[in-house]
Amino acid sequence: MTLVARLELSVVPVSGRWHVLIAGGNVAVTHTQREAIAIARPLARKHRLELVIHDRRGQIRARDSHGYDSPRRKG
């Protein structure tokens, strides 16, 4: 059995600002979620990563796969 590591690029709120994170490290910090998404989406496409966008409460608002799609996942 082969395990595939899935890296995610996340847009999360931290102390009133929006952070773009990968594997727990900061890529960018912006004032608005829209700016953070504009930075994160091209990076996710380029590096074939899953983009996870959180809302102000930290709940997952949207997921966008730009690379690995599990063969077990329908759709």
N, C-alpha and C. Protein backbone atom coordinates (compact mmCIF):
# COMPACT_ATOMS: atom_id res chain seq x y z
N MET A 1 0.85 -1.18 0.00
CA MET A 1 0.00 0.00 0.00
C MET A 1 0.89 1.24 0.00
N THR A 2 0.59 2.19 -0.86
CA THR A 2 1.36 3.41 -0.98
C THR A 2 0.55 4.56 -0.40
N LEU A 3 1.18 5.33 0.46
CA LEU A 3 0.52 6.50 1.01
C LEU A 3 0.96 7.73 0.24
N VAL A 4 0.01 8.58 -0.08
CA VAL A 4 0.31 9.82 -0.80
C VAL A 4 0.12 10.97 0.16
N ALA A 5 1.17 11.75 0.36
CA ALA A 5 1.07 12.93 1.23
C ALA A 5 0.34 14.03 0.48
N ARG A 6 -0.69 14.56 1.10
CA ARG A 6 -1.45 15.65 0.47
C ARG A 6 -1.11 16.94 1.17
N LEU A 7 -0.49 17.84 0.46
CA LEU A 7 -0.23 19.16 1.01
C LEU A 7 -1.42 20.05 0.69
N GLU A 8 -1.75 20.89 1.64
CA GLU A 8 -2.83 21.83 1.45
C GLU A 8 -2.30 23.24 1.60
N LEU A 9 -2.83 24.12 0.82
CA LEU A 9 -2.58 25.55 0.93
C LEU A 9 -3.84 26.11 1.57
N SER A 10 -3.70 26.77 2.70
CA SER A 10 -4.88 27.24 3.44
C SER A 10 -4.92 28.75 3.53
N VAL A 11 -6.13 29.30 3.49
CA VAL A 11 -6.38 30.72 3.74
C VAL A 11 -7.15 30.76 5.05
N VAL A 12 -6.50 31.33 6.10
CA VAL A 12 -7.10 31.31 7.43
C VAL A 12 -7.00 32.68 8.10
N PRO A 13 -7.98 32.99 8.96
CA PRO A 13 -7.92 34.25 9.71
C PRO A 13 -7.07 34.08 10.96
N VAL A 14 -6.18 35.05 11.22
CA VAL A 14 -5.36 35.04 12.43
C VAL A 14 -5.24 36.48 12.91
N SER A 15 -5.79 36.77 14.08
CA SER A 15 -5.67 38.09 14.71
C SER A 15 -6.08 39.24 13.78
N GLY A 16 -7.19 39.09 13.10
CA GLY A 16 -7.71 40.16 12.26
C GLY A 16 -7.10 40.28 10.88
N ARG A 17 -6.17 39.42 10.55
CA ARG A 17 -5.56 39.41 9.22
C ARG A 17 -5.77 38.05 8.59
N TRP A 18 -5.51 37.96 7.29
CA TRP A 18 -5.67 36.70 6.56
C TRP A 18 -4.31 36.16 6.19
N HIS A 19 -4.06 34.91 6.56
CA HIS A 19 -2.79 34.26 6.30
C HIS A 19 -2.94 33.18 5.24
N VAL A 20 -1.95 33.08 4.38
CA VAL A 20 -1.86 31.98 3.43
C VAL A 20 -0.81 31.04 4.01
N LEU A 21 -1.22 29.80 4.33
CA LEU A 21 -0.35 28.85 5.01
C LEU A 21 -0.15 27.59 4.19
N ILE A 22 1.05 27.02 4.29
CA ILE A 22 1.31 25.71 3.73
C ILE A 22 2.13 24.95 4.77
N ALA A 23 1.66 23.77 5.12
CA ALA A 23 2.34 22.91 6.11
C ALA A 23 2.68 23.69 7.37
N GLY A 24 1.77 24.58 7.80
CA GLY A 24 1.95 25.30 9.05
C GLY A 24 2.82 26.55 8.95
N GLY A 25 3.42 26.80 7.79
CA GLY A 25 4.27 27.98 7.63
C GLY A 25 3.57 29.06 6.83
N ASN A 26 3.87 30.31 7.16
CA ASN A 26 3.28 31.44 6.45
C ASN A 26 3.87 31.62 5.07
N VAL A 27 3.01 31.85 4.10
CA VAL A 27 3.44 32.22 2.76
C VAL A 27 3.21 33.71 2.58
N ALA A 28 2.07 34.20 3.09
CA ALA A 28 1.72 35.62 2.96
C ALA A 28 0.73 36.01 4.05
N VAL A 29 0.69 37.32 4.35
CA VAL A 29 -0.27 37.88 5.28
C VAL A 29 -0.90 39.10 4.60
N THR A 30 -2.24 39.15 4.60
CA THR A 30 -2.95 40.26 3.96
C THR A 30 -4.02 40.81 4.89
N HIS A 31 -4.60 41.93 4.48
CA HIS A 31 -5.68 42.54 5.27
C HIS A 31 -7.05 41.96 4.94
N THR A 32 -7.20 41.44 3.71
CA THR A 32 -8.52 40.92 3.32
C THR A 32 -8.42 39.47 2.84
N GLN A 33 -9.52 38.78 2.98
CA GLN A 33 -9.58 37.39 2.51
C GLN A 33 -9.44 37.35 0.99
N ARG A 34 -10.01 38.31 0.31
CA ARG A 34 -9.94 38.36 -1.15
C ARG A 34 -8.49 38.44 -1.63
N GLU A 35 -7.68 39.27 -0.96
CA GLU A 35 -6.26 39.36 -1.31
C GLU A 35 -5.54 38.04 -1.07
N ALA A 36 -5.86 37.40 0.05
CA ALA A 36 -5.22 36.12 0.39
C ALA A 36 -5.57 35.05 -0.64
N ILE A 37 -6.82 35.00 -1.07
CA ILE A 37 -7.24 34.03 -2.07
C ILE A 37 -6.55 34.32 -3.40
N ALA A 38 -6.41 35.60 -3.74
CA ALA A 38 -5.74 35.98 -5.00
C ALA A 38 -4.27 35.54 -5.00
N ILE A 39 -3.65 35.47 -3.84
CA ILE A 39 -2.27 34.98 -3.73
C ILE A 39 -2.26 33.46 -3.75
N ALA A 40 -3.18 32.84 -3.01
CA ALA A 40 -3.17 31.38 -2.82
C ALA A 40 -3.57 30.58 -4.05
N ARG A 41 -4.57 31.04 -4.79
CA ARG A 41 -5.09 30.25 -5.92
C ARG A 41 -4.02 29.97 -6.99
N PRO A 42 -3.26 30.96 -7.47
CA PRO A 42 -2.22 30.65 -8.46
C PRO A 42 -1.13 29.73 -7.91
N LEU A 43 -0.81 29.87 -6.62
CA LEU A 43 0.19 28.98 -6.01
C LEU A 43 -0.33 27.55 -5.97
N ALA A 44 -1.61 27.39 -5.63
CA ALA A 44 -2.20 26.05 -5.58
C ALA A 44 -2.20 25.41 -6.97
N ARG A 45 -2.51 26.21 -7.99
CA ARG A 45 -2.50 25.68 -9.37
C ARG A 45 -1.08 25.29 -9.78
N LYS A 46 -0.13 26.18 -9.52
CA LYS A 46 1.26 25.95 -9.94
C LYS A 46 1.85 24.69 -9.29
N HIS A 47 1.57 24.51 -8.00
CA HIS A 47 2.16 23.40 -7.26
C HIS A 47 1.22 22.22 -7.09
N ARG A 48 0.06 22.29 -7.76
CA ARG A 48 -0.93 21.20 -7.75
C ARG A 48 -1.32 20.81 -6.33
N LEU A 49 -1.78 21.79 -5.57
CA LEU A 49 -2.16 21.60 -4.18
C LEU A 49 -3.66 21.76 -3.99
N GLU A 50 -4.15 21.26 -2.89
CA GLU A 50 -5.54 21.47 -2.47
C GLU A 50 -5.59 22.84 -1.80
N LEU A 51 -6.51 23.69 -2.23
CA LEU A 51 -6.71 25.00 -1.63
C LEU A 51 -7.89 24.91 -0.66
N VAL A 52 -7.65 25.26 0.59
CA VAL A 52 -8.70 25.22 1.62
C VAL A 52 -8.91 26.64 2.12
N ILE A 53 -10.13 27.15 1.95
CA ILE A 53 -10.46 28.51 2.35
C ILE A 53 -11.36 28.46 3.57
N HIS A 54 -10.96 29.16 4.63
CA HIS A 54 -11.72 29.19 5.88
C HIS A 54 -12.48 30.51 5.99
N ASP A 55 -13.57 30.50 6.77
CA ASP A 55 -14.31 31.74 7.01
C ASP A 55 -13.76 32.42 8.26
N ARG A 56 -14.37 33.50 8.68
CA ARG A 56 -13.87 34.27 9.84
C ARG A 56 -13.86 33.48 11.14
N ARG A 57 -14.74 32.49 11.25
CA ARG A 57 -14.80 31.67 12.46
C ARG A 57 -13.82 30.50 12.42
N GLY A 58 -13.12 30.33 11.29
CA GLY A 58 -12.17 29.23 11.16
C GLY A 58 -12.76 27.97 10.54
N GLN A 59 -14.06 28.00 10.21
CA GLN A 59 -14.71 26.86 9.57
C GLN A 59 -14.32 26.82 8.10
N ILE A 60 -14.23 25.62 7.54
CA ILE A 60 -13.91 25.49 6.12
C ILE A 60 -15.08 26.01 5.30
N ARG A 61 -14.80 26.99 4.46
CA ARG A 61 -15.81 27.59 3.60
C ARG A 61 -15.82 26.93 2.23
N ALA A 62 -14.63 26.60 1.72
CA ALA A 62 -14.55 26.01 0.38
C ALA A 62 -13.25 25.23 0.24
N ARG A 63 -13.28 24.24 -0.63
CA ARG A 63 -12.09 23.45 -1.00
C ARG A 63 -12.00 23.48 -2.51
N ASP A 64 -10.79 23.57 -3.00
CA ASP A 64 -10.58 23.60 -4.44
C ASP A 64 -9.36 22.77 -4.76
N SER A 65 -9.54 21.67 -5.45
CA SER A 65 -8.45 20.75 -5.74
C SER A 65 -7.75 21.16 -7.03
N HIS A 66 -6.46 21.37 -6.94
CA HIS A 66 -5.67 21.74 -8.11
C HIS A 66 -4.61 20.70 -8.40
N GLY A 67 -4.83 19.51 -7.92
CA GLY A 67 -3.83 18.48 -8.14
C GLY A 67 -4.37 17.11 -7.84
N TYR A 68 -3.90 16.51 -6.77
CA TYR A 68 -4.24 15.15 -6.41
C TYR A 68 -5.72 15.02 -6.10
N ASP A 69 -6.40 14.14 -6.83
CA ASP A 69 -7.78 13.77 -6.52
C ASP A 69 -7.78 12.29 -6.20
N SER A 70 -8.25 11.96 -5.03
CA SER A 70 -8.29 10.57 -4.61
C SER A 70 -9.14 9.75 -5.56
N PRO A 71 -8.67 8.56 -5.97
CA PRO A 71 -9.50 7.73 -6.83
C PRO A 71 -10.75 7.22 -6.13
N ARG A 72 -10.78 7.31 -4.82
CA ARG A 72 -11.95 6.87 -4.03
C ARG A 72 -13.05 7.94 -4.01
N ARG A 73 -12.70 9.14 -4.35
CA ARG A 73 -13.64 10.24 -4.25
C ARG A 73 -14.47 10.35 -5.54
N LYS A 74 -15.78 10.37 -5.41
CA LYS A 74 -16.65 10.49 -6.57
C LYS A 74 -16.73 11.95 -7.00
N GLY A 75 -16.93 12.15 -8.29
CA GLY A 75 -17.15 13.50 -8.79
C GLY A 75 -16.03 14.00 -9.50
